[in-house]
N, C-alpha and C. Protein backbone atom coordinates (compact mmCIF):
# COMPACT_ATOMS: atom_id res chain seq x y z
N MET A 1 115.09 267.17 212.82
CA MET A 1 115.44 265.93 213.52
C MET A 1 116.68 265.27 212.93
N ARG A 2 117.48 266.00 212.20
CA ARG A 2 118.65 265.39 211.58
C ARG A 2 119.61 264.81 212.61
N GLU A 3 119.61 265.36 213.82
CA GLU A 3 120.49 264.84 214.86
C GLU A 3 120.22 263.36 215.12
N LEU A 4 118.98 262.92 214.89
CA LEU A 4 118.63 261.53 215.14
C LEU A 4 119.18 260.58 214.09
N ASP A 5 119.75 261.12 213.01
CA ASP A 5 120.45 260.25 212.05
C ASP A 5 121.75 259.72 212.64
N ASN A 6 122.27 260.41 213.65
CA ASN A 6 123.52 260.02 214.31
C ASN A 6 123.45 260.43 215.78
N PRO A 7 122.49 259.86 216.52
CA PRO A 7 122.20 260.36 217.86
C PRO A 7 123.34 260.21 218.86
N ALA A 8 124.06 259.10 218.81
CA ALA A 8 125.13 258.89 219.78
C ALA A 8 126.24 259.92 219.61
N TRP A 9 126.53 260.28 218.37
CA TRP A 9 127.57 261.29 218.12
C TRP A 9 127.20 262.62 218.76
N HIS A 10 125.96 263.03 218.59
CA HIS A 10 125.52 264.31 219.15
C HIS A 10 125.42 264.24 220.68
N ALA A 11 125.01 263.09 221.21
CA ALA A 11 124.94 262.94 222.67
C ALA A 11 126.33 263.01 223.30
N LEU A 12 127.28 262.30 222.70
CA LEU A 12 128.63 262.24 223.26
C LEU A 12 129.40 263.55 223.06
N ASN A 13 128.96 264.37 222.15
CA ASN A 13 129.56 265.69 221.98
C ASN A 13 128.74 266.76 222.69
N GLY A 14 127.78 266.34 223.49
CA GLY A 14 126.92 267.28 224.19
C GLY A 14 126.64 266.84 225.60
N LYS A 15 125.38 266.54 225.88
CA LYS A 15 124.92 266.27 227.24
C LYS A 15 125.62 265.09 227.90
N GLN A 16 126.06 264.10 227.14
CA GLN A 16 126.63 262.89 227.74
C GLN A 16 128.14 262.77 227.53
N ARG A 17 128.78 263.89 227.31
CA ARG A 17 130.23 263.88 227.08
C ARG A 17 130.99 263.24 228.24
N ASP A 18 130.53 263.45 229.46
CA ASP A 18 131.24 262.92 230.63
C ASP A 18 131.14 261.40 230.73
N PHE A 19 130.28 260.79 229.93
CA PHE A 19 130.12 259.33 229.96
C PHE A 19 130.92 258.63 228.87
N GLY A 20 131.78 259.36 228.17
CA GLY A 20 132.47 258.73 227.06
C GLY A 20 133.86 259.23 226.81
N MET A 21 134.44 258.75 225.73
CA MET A 21 135.72 259.22 225.20
C MET A 21 135.41 259.87 223.86
N VAL A 22 135.84 261.09 223.69
CA VAL A 22 135.43 261.88 222.53
C VAL A 22 136.65 262.44 221.82
N GLY A 23 136.71 262.20 220.52
CA GLY A 23 137.77 262.76 219.70
C GLY A 23 137.22 263.70 218.64
N GLU A 24 138.03 263.99 217.65
CA GLU A 24 137.60 264.92 216.61
C GLU A 24 136.55 264.32 215.69
N ARG A 25 136.72 263.02 215.36
CA ARG A 25 135.79 262.38 214.43
C ARG A 25 135.16 261.11 214.98
N ALA A 26 135.54 260.70 216.17
CA ALA A 26 135.02 259.46 216.75
C ALA A 26 134.77 259.64 218.24
N ALA A 27 133.84 258.85 218.74
CA ALA A 27 133.51 258.89 220.17
C ALA A 27 132.90 257.55 220.56
N ARG A 28 132.98 257.25 221.83
CA ARG A 28 132.34 256.04 222.34
C ARG A 28 131.98 256.25 223.80
N TYR A 29 130.96 255.51 224.26
CA TYR A 29 130.65 255.50 225.67
C TYR A 29 131.71 254.68 226.40
N LEU A 30 131.93 254.98 227.67
CA LEU A 30 132.86 254.18 228.47
C LEU A 30 132.39 252.73 228.48
N PRO A 31 133.33 251.78 228.51
CA PRO A 31 132.96 250.36 228.37
C PRO A 31 131.93 249.87 229.38
N ASP A 32 131.96 250.37 230.62
CA ASP A 32 130.99 249.91 231.60
C ASP A 32 129.68 250.69 231.54
N ILE A 33 129.59 251.64 230.60
CA ILE A 33 128.35 252.38 230.36
C ILE A 33 127.58 251.76 229.20
N SER A 34 128.27 251.60 228.06
CA SER A 34 127.63 251.05 226.87
C SER A 34 128.67 250.75 225.80
N PRO A 35 128.44 249.73 224.98
CA PRO A 35 129.36 249.46 223.86
C PRO A 35 129.08 250.35 222.65
N ILE A 36 128.12 251.23 222.73
CA ILE A 36 127.77 252.08 221.59
C ILE A 36 128.86 253.11 221.33
N ALA A 37 129.19 253.27 220.06
CA ALA A 37 130.18 254.25 219.61
C ALA A 37 129.59 255.02 218.44
N ALA A 38 130.30 256.07 218.03
CA ALA A 38 129.79 256.90 216.94
C ALA A 38 130.95 257.53 216.19
N VAL A 39 130.71 257.82 214.93
CA VAL A 39 131.69 258.53 214.11
C VAL A 39 131.00 259.74 213.48
N ALA A 40 131.79 260.78 213.24
CA ALA A 40 131.23 262.01 212.69
C ALA A 40 130.86 261.86 211.22
N ASP A 41 131.57 260.95 210.52
CA ASP A 41 131.34 260.75 209.10
C ASP A 41 131.79 259.34 208.72
N GLN A 42 131.72 259.01 207.47
CA GLN A 42 132.05 257.66 207.02
C GLN A 42 133.49 257.54 206.52
N SER A 43 134.33 258.42 206.95
CA SER A 43 135.73 258.40 206.50
C SER A 43 136.53 257.31 207.20
N THR A 44 137.58 256.87 206.53
CA THR A 44 138.50 255.91 207.14
C THR A 44 139.15 256.51 208.37
N GLN A 45 139.44 257.80 208.33
CA GLN A 45 140.08 258.47 209.46
C GLN A 45 139.25 258.36 210.73
N ALA A 46 137.92 258.43 210.59
CA ALA A 46 137.05 258.35 211.75
C ALA A 46 137.18 256.99 212.43
N LEU A 47 137.23 255.91 211.64
CA LEU A 47 137.34 254.57 212.22
C LEU A 47 138.75 254.29 212.73
N VAL A 48 139.75 254.92 212.15
CA VAL A 48 141.10 254.82 212.70
C VAL A 48 141.15 255.49 214.07
N GLU A 49 140.53 256.65 214.18
CA GLU A 49 140.50 257.34 215.47
C GLU A 49 139.72 256.54 216.50
N LEU A 50 138.60 255.95 216.08
CA LEU A 50 137.80 255.15 217.00
C LEU A 50 138.59 253.97 217.54
N ALA A 51 139.45 253.39 216.72
CA ALA A 51 140.25 252.25 217.15
C ALA A 51 141.11 252.58 218.37
N GLY A 52 141.48 253.84 218.50
CA GLY A 52 142.27 254.25 219.66
C GLY A 52 141.51 254.22 220.96
N PHE A 53 140.18 254.11 220.88
CA PHE A 53 139.35 254.07 222.08
C PHE A 53 138.94 252.65 222.48
N VAL A 54 139.36 251.65 221.70
CA VAL A 54 138.89 250.28 221.91
C VAL A 54 140.06 249.32 222.04
N GLU A 55 140.07 248.52 223.09
CA GLU A 55 141.13 247.54 223.29
C GLU A 55 140.99 246.38 222.31
N PRO A 56 142.10 245.78 221.88
CA PRO A 56 142.04 244.62 220.99
C PRO A 56 141.16 243.51 221.58
N GLY A 57 140.33 242.94 220.74
CA GLY A 57 139.44 241.87 221.18
C GLY A 57 138.10 242.35 221.68
N ARG A 58 137.95 243.64 221.93
CA ARG A 58 136.68 244.19 222.39
C ARG A 58 135.87 244.72 221.21
N PHE A 59 134.57 244.85 221.40
CA PHE A 59 133.71 245.29 220.30
C PHE A 59 133.00 246.59 220.64
N VAL A 60 132.57 247.27 219.60
CA VAL A 60 131.69 248.44 219.73
C VAL A 60 130.57 248.31 218.70
N ALA A 61 129.46 248.96 218.99
CA ALA A 61 128.33 249.00 218.07
C ALA A 61 128.20 250.43 217.56
N VAL A 62 128.31 250.60 216.25
CA VAL A 62 128.44 251.93 215.65
C VAL A 62 127.29 252.21 214.69
N PHE A 63 126.71 253.40 214.79
CA PHE A 63 125.71 253.84 213.82
C PHE A 63 126.39 254.21 212.51
N ALA A 64 126.01 253.55 211.43
CA ALA A 64 126.36 253.94 210.05
C ALA A 64 127.81 254.33 209.83
N PRO A 65 128.78 253.45 210.14
CA PRO A 65 130.17 253.79 209.84
C PRO A 65 130.50 253.53 208.37
N GLY A 66 131.67 253.93 207.94
CA GLY A 66 132.13 253.61 206.60
C GLY A 66 132.76 252.22 206.58
N GLU A 67 133.49 251.92 205.53
CA GLU A 67 134.15 250.62 205.39
C GLU A 67 135.28 250.50 206.41
N PRO A 68 135.28 249.44 207.26
CA PRO A 68 136.33 249.30 208.28
C PRO A 68 137.70 249.13 207.64
N PRO A 69 138.69 249.89 208.06
CA PRO A 69 140.03 249.73 207.49
C PRO A 69 140.64 248.39 207.88
N GLU A 70 141.27 247.73 206.93
CA GLU A 70 141.89 246.43 207.19
C GLU A 70 143.00 246.58 208.22
N GLY A 71 143.11 245.57 209.05
CA GLY A 71 144.15 245.57 210.07
C GLY A 71 143.72 246.14 211.39
N LEU A 72 142.60 246.88 211.42
CA LEU A 72 142.14 247.49 212.67
C LEU A 72 140.84 246.88 213.17
N TRP A 73 139.95 246.54 212.26
CA TRP A 73 138.61 246.11 212.65
C TRP A 73 138.20 244.83 211.93
N ARG A 74 137.37 244.04 212.61
CA ARG A 74 136.69 242.91 211.98
C ARG A 74 135.19 243.15 212.07
N LEU A 75 134.50 243.05 210.94
CA LEU A 75 133.05 243.22 210.94
C LEU A 75 132.40 241.97 211.53
N ALA A 76 131.75 242.13 212.68
CA ALA A 76 131.17 240.98 213.38
C ALA A 76 129.70 240.77 213.05
N ALA A 77 128.96 241.86 212.89
CA ALA A 77 127.52 241.73 212.64
C ALA A 77 126.94 243.05 212.17
N MET A 78 125.79 242.94 211.51
CA MET A 78 125.00 244.11 211.15
C MET A 78 123.62 243.92 211.77
N ALA A 79 123.18 244.88 212.55
CA ALA A 79 121.88 244.78 213.21
C ALA A 79 120.93 245.84 212.65
N PRO A 80 119.97 245.45 211.81
CA PRO A 80 119.02 246.43 211.28
C PRO A 80 118.07 246.93 212.37
N LEU A 81 117.81 248.22 212.36
CA LEU A 81 116.96 248.85 213.36
C LEU A 81 115.92 249.73 212.68
N SER A 82 114.78 249.88 213.32
CA SER A 82 113.85 250.94 212.94
C SER A 82 113.84 251.97 214.07
N GLN A 83 113.78 253.23 213.69
CA GLN A 83 113.79 254.31 214.68
C GLN A 83 112.39 254.94 214.74
N TRP A 84 111.94 255.20 215.96
CA TRP A 84 110.60 255.71 216.19
C TRP A 84 110.66 256.96 217.06
N VAL A 85 109.76 257.91 216.80
CA VAL A 85 109.67 259.12 217.61
C VAL A 85 108.23 259.27 218.10
N CYS A 86 108.09 259.98 219.21
CA CYS A 86 106.77 260.18 219.81
C CYS A 86 106.51 261.68 219.97
N PRO A 87 105.96 262.32 218.94
CA PRO A 87 105.72 263.76 219.04
C PRO A 87 104.62 264.14 220.00
N ASP A 88 103.66 263.22 220.22
CA ASP A 88 102.53 263.57 221.08
C ASP A 88 101.85 262.30 221.59
N PRO A 89 102.18 261.85 222.80
CA PRO A 89 101.57 260.62 223.32
C PRO A 89 100.08 260.82 223.59
N PRO A 90 99.27 259.80 223.37
CA PRO A 90 97.83 259.93 223.60
C PRO A 90 97.52 259.99 225.09
N PRO A 91 96.38 260.58 225.45
CA PRO A 91 96.01 260.69 226.87
C PRO A 91 95.42 259.39 227.39
N ILE A 92 96.24 258.38 227.54
CA ILE A 92 95.76 257.09 228.03
C ILE A 92 96.31 256.84 229.43
N ASP A 93 95.64 255.97 230.15
CA ASP A 93 96.09 255.61 231.49
C ASP A 93 96.67 254.20 231.45
N ALA A 94 97.77 254.03 232.14
CA ALA A 94 98.40 252.71 232.27
C ALA A 94 99.09 252.67 233.62
N GLU A 95 98.29 252.72 234.66
CA GLU A 95 98.83 252.86 236.01
C GLU A 95 99.20 251.50 236.61
N ILE A 96 100.41 251.42 237.12
CA ILE A 96 100.87 250.26 237.88
C ILE A 96 101.75 250.77 239.01
N ASP A 97 102.09 249.89 239.92
CA ASP A 97 103.01 250.26 240.99
C ASP A 97 104.43 250.07 240.49
N TRP A 98 105.18 251.17 240.35
CA TRP A 98 106.56 251.09 239.91
C TRP A 98 107.45 251.83 240.90
N VAL A 99 108.74 251.59 240.80
CA VAL A 99 109.71 252.23 241.70
C VAL A 99 110.81 252.87 240.87
N GLU A 100 111.44 253.89 241.44
CA GLU A 100 112.64 254.46 240.83
C GLU A 100 113.79 253.47 241.01
N LEU A 101 114.58 253.29 239.97
CA LEU A 101 115.74 252.40 240.05
C LEU A 101 117.01 253.24 240.13
N THR A 102 117.88 252.87 241.05
CA THR A 102 119.12 253.60 241.28
C THR A 102 120.30 252.63 241.27
N ASP A 103 121.46 253.13 241.65
CA ASP A 103 122.64 252.26 241.73
C ASP A 103 122.41 251.08 242.67
N ALA A 104 121.53 251.24 243.64
CA ALA A 104 121.26 250.16 244.59
C ALA A 104 120.66 248.93 243.90
N GLN A 105 120.00 249.16 242.76
CA GLN A 105 119.40 248.04 242.01
C GLN A 105 120.20 247.71 240.75
N ALA A 106 121.41 248.22 240.64
CA ALA A 106 122.19 248.04 239.41
C ALA A 106 122.40 246.57 239.06
N ASP A 107 122.69 245.74 240.06
CA ASP A 107 122.91 244.32 239.79
C ASP A 107 121.63 243.65 239.29
N GLU A 108 120.50 244.03 239.89
CA GLU A 108 119.22 243.46 239.46
C GLU A 108 118.87 243.90 238.04
N MET A 109 119.18 245.14 237.71
CA MET A 109 118.92 245.65 236.37
C MET A 109 119.76 244.89 235.35
N LEU A 110 121.02 244.68 235.68
CA LEU A 110 121.90 243.95 234.78
C LEU A 110 121.43 242.51 234.61
N ARG A 111 120.99 241.88 235.69
CA ARG A 111 120.47 240.51 235.61
C ARG A 111 119.26 240.44 234.68
N LEU A 112 118.30 241.35 234.87
CA LEU A 112 117.10 241.33 234.04
C LEU A 112 117.43 241.57 232.57
N ALA A 113 118.34 242.50 232.32
CA ALA A 113 118.73 242.79 230.94
C ALA A 113 119.37 241.58 230.28
N ARG A 114 120.20 240.86 231.02
CA ARG A 114 120.86 239.68 230.46
C ARG A 114 119.87 238.55 230.22
N GLU A 115 118.85 238.46 231.05
CA GLU A 115 117.85 237.41 230.88
C GLU A 115 116.90 237.69 229.73
N THR A 116 116.65 238.96 229.44
CA THR A 116 115.63 239.32 228.45
C THR A 116 116.20 239.91 227.16
N ASP A 117 117.44 240.36 227.17
CA ASP A 117 118.14 240.90 225.99
C ASP A 117 117.37 242.04 225.30
N PRO A 118 117.18 243.18 225.97
CA PRO A 118 116.53 244.32 225.32
C PRO A 118 117.49 245.14 224.46
N GLY A 119 118.76 244.73 224.42
CA GLY A 119 119.79 245.50 223.73
C GLY A 119 120.98 245.69 224.66
N PRO A 120 122.02 246.36 224.20
CA PRO A 120 123.22 246.53 225.02
C PRO A 120 122.91 247.16 226.37
N PHE A 121 123.37 246.53 227.44
CA PHE A 121 123.16 247.05 228.79
C PHE A 121 124.34 246.60 229.64
N GLU A 122 125.02 247.57 230.24
CA GLU A 122 126.22 247.28 231.03
C GLU A 122 126.02 247.66 232.49
N ALA A 123 127.06 247.49 233.29
CA ALA A 123 126.96 247.67 234.74
C ALA A 123 126.52 249.07 235.14
N ARG A 124 126.91 250.08 234.33
CA ARG A 124 126.56 251.46 234.70
C ARG A 124 125.69 252.15 233.65
N THR A 125 125.02 251.39 232.82
CA THR A 125 124.12 251.99 231.84
C THR A 125 123.05 252.83 232.52
N ASN A 126 122.65 252.43 233.71
CA ASN A 126 121.59 253.15 234.42
C ASN A 126 121.96 254.59 234.75
N ARG A 127 123.25 254.94 234.66
CA ARG A 127 123.67 256.32 234.94
C ARG A 127 123.26 257.29 233.83
N LEU A 128 122.85 256.77 232.69
CA LEU A 128 122.59 257.63 231.53
C LEU A 128 121.28 258.40 231.62
N GLY A 129 120.38 257.98 232.51
CA GLY A 129 119.10 258.68 232.60
C GLY A 129 118.22 258.09 233.68
N ASP A 130 116.94 258.39 233.61
CA ASP A 130 115.99 257.84 234.57
C ASP A 130 115.70 256.38 234.23
N TYR A 131 115.58 255.56 235.28
CA TYR A 131 115.15 254.17 235.12
C TYR A 131 114.10 253.87 236.17
N ILE A 132 113.06 253.20 235.75
CA ILE A 132 112.00 252.79 236.66
C ILE A 132 111.69 251.32 236.41
N GLY A 133 111.10 250.67 237.42
CA GLY A 133 110.85 249.25 237.26
C GLY A 133 109.72 248.75 238.14
N VAL A 134 109.38 247.50 237.94
CA VAL A 134 108.33 246.82 238.70
C VAL A 134 108.96 245.71 239.53
N ILE A 135 108.65 245.70 240.81
CA ILE A 135 109.13 244.67 241.73
C ILE A 135 107.99 243.72 242.06
N ARG A 136 108.21 242.46 241.90
CA ARG A 136 107.24 241.44 242.28
C ARG A 136 107.98 240.29 242.95
N ASP A 137 107.43 239.82 244.05
CA ASP A 137 108.03 238.70 244.79
C ASP A 137 109.49 238.99 245.14
N GLY A 138 109.78 240.27 245.44
CA GLY A 138 111.12 240.65 245.86
C GLY A 138 112.14 240.76 244.75
N ARG A 139 111.70 240.66 243.48
CA ARG A 139 112.63 240.71 242.35
C ARG A 139 112.18 241.77 241.35
N LEU A 140 113.16 242.34 240.64
CA LEU A 140 112.87 243.24 239.54
C LEU A 140 112.40 242.40 238.35
N VAL A 141 111.17 242.66 237.87
CA VAL A 141 110.62 241.83 236.80
C VAL A 141 110.34 242.62 235.52
N ALA A 142 110.44 243.94 235.58
CA ALA A 142 110.24 244.77 234.38
C ALA A 142 110.91 246.10 234.60
N MET A 143 111.39 246.71 233.51
CA MET A 143 112.00 248.04 233.63
C MET A 143 111.97 248.75 232.29
N ALA A 144 112.22 250.04 232.37
CA ALA A 144 112.41 250.89 231.19
C ALA A 144 113.19 252.10 231.65
N GLY A 145 113.92 252.70 230.71
CA GLY A 145 114.71 253.87 231.08
C GLY A 145 115.17 254.65 229.88
N GLU A 146 116.27 255.37 230.07
CA GLU A 146 116.81 256.24 229.03
C GLU A 146 118.26 255.89 228.75
N ARG A 147 118.67 256.07 227.50
CA ARG A 147 120.05 255.78 227.14
C ARG A 147 120.67 256.99 226.44
N ILE A 148 120.52 257.10 225.14
CA ILE A 148 121.13 258.20 224.39
C ILE A 148 120.30 259.47 224.60
N CYS A 149 120.91 260.48 225.19
CA CYS A 149 120.21 261.74 225.44
C CYS A 149 121.01 262.89 224.83
N LEU A 150 120.38 263.62 223.93
CA LEU A 150 121.00 264.76 223.29
C LEU A 150 120.06 265.95 223.38
N GLU A 151 120.53 267.10 222.97
CA GLU A 151 119.74 268.32 223.09
C GLU A 151 118.41 268.17 222.36
N GLY A 152 117.31 268.21 223.13
CA GLY A 152 115.98 268.15 222.55
C GLY A 152 115.41 266.76 222.33
N TYR A 153 116.19 265.72 222.59
CA TYR A 153 115.75 264.34 222.35
C TYR A 153 116.28 263.41 223.44
N ARG A 154 115.45 262.44 223.82
CA ARG A 154 115.89 261.41 224.77
C ARG A 154 115.38 260.05 224.29
N GLU A 155 116.27 259.08 224.35
CA GLU A 155 115.93 257.74 223.89
C GLU A 155 115.31 256.92 225.01
N VAL A 156 114.21 256.25 224.71
CA VAL A 156 113.63 255.24 225.59
C VAL A 156 114.36 253.93 225.32
N SER A 157 114.82 253.26 226.37
CA SER A 157 115.66 252.09 226.16
C SER A 157 115.47 251.08 227.29
N ALA A 158 116.08 249.91 227.10
CA ALA A 158 116.07 248.83 228.11
C ALA A 158 114.65 248.47 228.55
N VAL A 159 113.73 248.47 227.60
CA VAL A 159 112.35 248.09 227.89
C VAL A 159 112.29 246.56 227.90
N CYS A 160 112.04 245.98 229.06
CA CYS A 160 112.06 244.52 229.14
C CYS A 160 111.21 244.02 230.31
N THR A 161 110.71 242.81 230.16
CA THR A 161 109.88 242.18 231.18
C THR A 161 110.26 240.71 231.30
N ASP A 162 110.40 240.25 232.52
CA ASP A 162 110.63 238.83 232.78
C ASP A 162 109.53 238.02 232.09
N GLU A 163 109.91 236.93 231.44
CA GLU A 163 108.96 236.13 230.67
C GLU A 163 107.76 235.69 231.50
N ALA A 164 107.98 235.43 232.78
CA ALA A 164 106.89 234.96 233.64
C ALA A 164 105.88 236.05 233.96
N TYR A 165 106.20 237.30 233.62
CA TYR A 165 105.32 238.41 233.98
C TYR A 165 104.85 239.20 232.76
N THR A 166 105.00 238.64 231.58
CA THR A 166 104.54 239.33 230.37
C THR A 166 103.01 239.31 230.30
N GLY A 167 102.46 240.19 229.48
CA GLY A 167 101.01 240.24 229.30
C GLY A 167 100.26 240.99 230.38
N ARG A 168 100.97 241.68 231.25
CA ARG A 168 100.32 242.41 232.34
C ARG A 168 100.36 243.93 232.15
N GLY A 169 100.88 244.37 231.02
CA GLY A 169 100.91 245.80 230.75
C GLY A 169 102.05 246.56 231.40
N PHE A 170 103.03 245.83 231.93
CA PHE A 170 104.14 246.51 232.61
C PHE A 170 104.94 247.39 231.65
N ALA A 171 105.30 246.84 230.49
CA ALA A 171 106.13 247.60 229.55
C ALA A 171 105.42 248.87 229.11
N GLN A 172 104.15 248.76 228.77
CA GLN A 172 103.40 249.94 228.32
C GLN A 172 103.37 251.02 229.39
N ALA A 173 103.09 250.63 230.63
CA ALA A 173 103.00 251.61 231.71
C ALA A 173 104.34 252.28 231.99
N LEU A 174 105.41 251.50 231.97
CA LEU A 174 106.74 252.06 232.25
C LEU A 174 107.18 253.00 231.13
N VAL A 175 106.98 252.59 229.88
CA VAL A 175 107.35 253.46 228.76
C VAL A 175 106.54 254.75 228.80
N LEU A 176 105.26 254.65 229.10
CA LEU A 176 104.41 255.84 229.17
C LEU A 176 104.93 256.82 230.21
N GLU A 177 105.35 256.33 231.36
CA GLU A 177 105.89 257.21 232.40
C GLU A 177 107.18 257.88 231.94
N ILE A 178 108.08 257.12 231.33
CA ILE A 178 109.33 257.70 230.84
C ILE A 178 109.05 258.76 229.77
N VAL A 179 108.14 258.45 228.85
CA VAL A 179 107.79 259.39 227.78
C VAL A 179 107.22 260.68 228.35
N ARG A 180 106.36 260.58 229.33
CA ARG A 180 105.77 261.78 229.92
C ARG A 180 106.83 262.63 230.62
N ARG A 181 107.77 261.99 231.26
CA ARG A 181 108.87 262.74 231.87
C ARG A 181 109.68 263.48 230.80
N GLN A 182 109.95 262.80 229.72
CA GLN A 182 110.74 263.41 228.65
C GLN A 182 110.02 264.61 228.05
N GLN A 183 108.73 264.49 227.88
CA GLN A 183 107.98 265.60 227.31
C GLN A 183 107.88 266.77 228.28
N ARG A 184 107.81 266.48 229.56
CA ARG A 184 107.82 267.58 230.54
C ARG A 184 109.15 268.32 230.51
N ALA A 185 110.20 267.64 230.08
CA ALA A 185 111.52 268.25 229.95
C ALA A 185 111.72 268.88 228.57
N ASP A 186 110.63 269.00 227.81
CA ASP A 186 110.67 269.58 226.46
C ASP A 186 111.59 268.80 225.52
N CYS A 187 111.58 267.48 225.67
CA CYS A 187 112.36 266.60 224.80
C CYS A 187 111.43 265.68 224.01
N VAL A 188 111.82 265.37 222.79
CA VAL A 188 111.07 264.43 221.97
C VAL A 188 111.56 263.02 222.28
N PRO A 189 110.69 262.12 222.71
CA PRO A 189 111.10 260.74 222.95
C PRO A 189 111.37 260.01 221.63
N PHE A 190 112.40 259.17 221.64
CA PHE A 190 112.65 258.31 220.49
C PHE A 190 113.15 256.96 220.98
N LEU A 191 113.10 255.97 220.13
CA LEU A 191 113.58 254.63 220.50
C LEU A 191 113.93 253.86 219.24
N HIS A 192 114.56 252.71 219.46
CA HIS A 192 114.94 251.83 218.36
C HIS A 192 114.38 250.44 218.60
N VAL A 193 113.95 249.80 217.53
CA VAL A 193 113.45 248.42 217.58
C VAL A 193 114.31 247.58 216.65
N ARG A 194 114.83 246.47 217.15
CA ARG A 194 115.63 245.58 216.31
C ARG A 194 114.75 244.85 215.31
N THR A 195 115.01 245.03 214.05
CA THR A 195 114.25 244.36 213.00
C THR A 195 114.52 242.86 213.04
N GLY A 196 113.46 242.08 213.09
CA GLY A 196 113.60 240.63 213.12
C GLY A 196 113.75 240.03 214.50
N SER A 197 113.74 240.86 215.54
CA SER A 197 113.86 240.32 216.90
C SER A 197 112.57 239.62 217.28
N PRO A 198 112.62 238.65 218.22
CA PRO A 198 111.41 237.92 218.61
C PRO A 198 110.31 238.83 219.14
N ALA A 199 110.69 239.95 219.75
CA ALA A 199 109.70 240.84 220.36
C ALA A 199 109.28 241.98 219.44
N GLN A 200 109.74 241.98 218.19
CA GLN A 200 109.52 243.13 217.32
C GLN A 200 108.04 243.47 217.14
N VAL A 201 107.22 242.50 216.78
CA VAL A 201 105.82 242.76 216.49
C VAL A 201 105.09 243.29 217.72
N GLN A 202 105.29 242.64 218.87
CA GLN A 202 104.62 243.07 220.08
C GLN A 202 105.11 244.44 220.52
N ALA A 203 106.42 244.68 220.40
CA ALA A 203 106.98 245.97 220.80
C ALA A 203 106.39 247.10 219.96
N ILE A 204 106.34 246.91 218.65
CA ILE A 204 105.80 247.94 217.78
C ILE A 204 104.33 248.20 218.09
N HIS A 205 103.58 247.16 218.39
CA HIS A 205 102.17 247.32 218.76
C HIS A 205 102.04 248.23 219.98
N VAL A 206 102.87 247.99 220.99
CA VAL A 206 102.83 248.81 222.21
C VAL A 206 103.24 250.24 221.91
N TYR A 207 104.32 250.41 221.15
CA TYR A 207 104.83 251.76 220.89
C TYR A 207 103.86 252.57 220.04
N GLU A 208 103.22 251.95 219.06
CA GLU A 208 102.23 252.68 218.26
C GLU A 208 101.04 253.10 219.12
N LYS A 209 100.65 252.27 220.04
CA LYS A 209 99.56 252.61 220.94
C LYS A 209 99.91 253.82 221.80
N LEU A 210 101.20 254.00 222.08
CA LEU A 210 101.66 255.11 222.91
C LEU A 210 101.98 256.35 222.08
N GLY A 211 101.74 256.31 220.79
CA GLY A 211 101.93 257.49 219.96
C GLY A 211 103.23 257.56 219.19
N PHE A 212 104.01 256.49 219.20
CA PHE A 212 105.27 256.49 218.45
C PHE A 212 104.99 256.30 216.95
N GLN A 213 105.77 257.01 216.15
CA GLN A 213 105.67 256.93 214.70
C GLN A 213 107.04 256.56 214.13
N LYS A 214 107.03 255.69 213.13
CA LYS A 214 108.31 255.28 212.54
C LYS A 214 108.94 256.44 211.79
N ARG A 215 110.22 256.67 212.08
CA ARG A 215 110.96 257.75 211.41
C ARG A 215 111.82 257.22 210.27
N GLY A 216 112.38 256.02 210.43
CA GLY A 216 113.23 255.49 209.38
C GLY A 216 113.89 254.20 209.79
N ASP A 217 114.66 253.64 208.86
CA ASP A 217 115.41 252.40 209.09
C ASP A 217 116.90 252.70 209.10
N TYR A 218 117.59 252.05 210.01
CA TYR A 218 119.02 252.27 210.18
C TYR A 218 119.71 250.92 210.37
N ALA A 219 121.01 250.96 210.51
CA ALA A 219 121.76 249.74 210.79
C ALA A 219 122.81 250.05 211.85
N MET A 220 122.92 249.15 212.80
CA MET A 220 123.98 249.21 213.80
C MET A 220 125.04 248.20 213.39
N THR A 221 126.27 248.66 213.24
CA THR A 221 127.36 247.79 212.83
C THR A 221 128.20 247.41 214.05
N VAL A 222 128.39 246.12 214.25
CA VAL A 222 129.21 245.64 215.36
C VAL A 222 130.61 245.36 214.83
N LEU A 223 131.59 246.08 215.38
CA LEU A 223 132.98 245.95 214.96
C LEU A 223 133.83 245.45 216.12
N VAL A 224 134.71 244.50 215.82
CA VAL A 224 135.64 243.97 216.82
C VAL A 224 137.03 244.52 216.51
N ARG A 225 137.65 245.06 217.52
CA ARG A 225 139.00 245.63 217.36
C ARG A 225 140.01 244.49 217.23
N LYS A 226 140.83 244.53 216.19
CA LYS A 226 141.86 243.51 215.98
C LYS A 226 143.07 243.79 216.86
């Protein structure tokens, strides 16, 4: 599972290459796909190369980069994460009425993500994998999908529920469906939880119930291009 130490790098150099800009030591998703970027190593050269993919004033979120070279980057934030994998989900039922989400619901997906803040989500993030959701009263009120996908692994992402509809088991049911799809594709599901986020405790409770096990702790570094 060493690929999961730097999942975005392996995804952008593999299955998701068409969704990004890829160089010798640096890569990033297209801006309307995701702000996530990756470097092959912690060298200064990698971050210099990454700077060529980012316009001044814009930011990227990078897994485990080295020290940002002066004059190119400003360190904006460090976001601690825990990474979880699901080698074998339990045989539980969590049936609800859900729908497939496509480009037709892209605006609704973006609205829900901005209201609930499940992590970086842009106008075309939904292109990265399967997305499903729950519609109530004519509105999208819960969703889950896939983001970083590399050979043998797929990330569960954008798990969120409108505050008015929490406590109904929507997140658990949606994640379970995504996980089962990933396993049918012979992929190991994985996900990230922001350490210290308001939803951390509840999210971990749900994920452990679905068979996720903590793999390790990481940090996402937010860099702003000077």
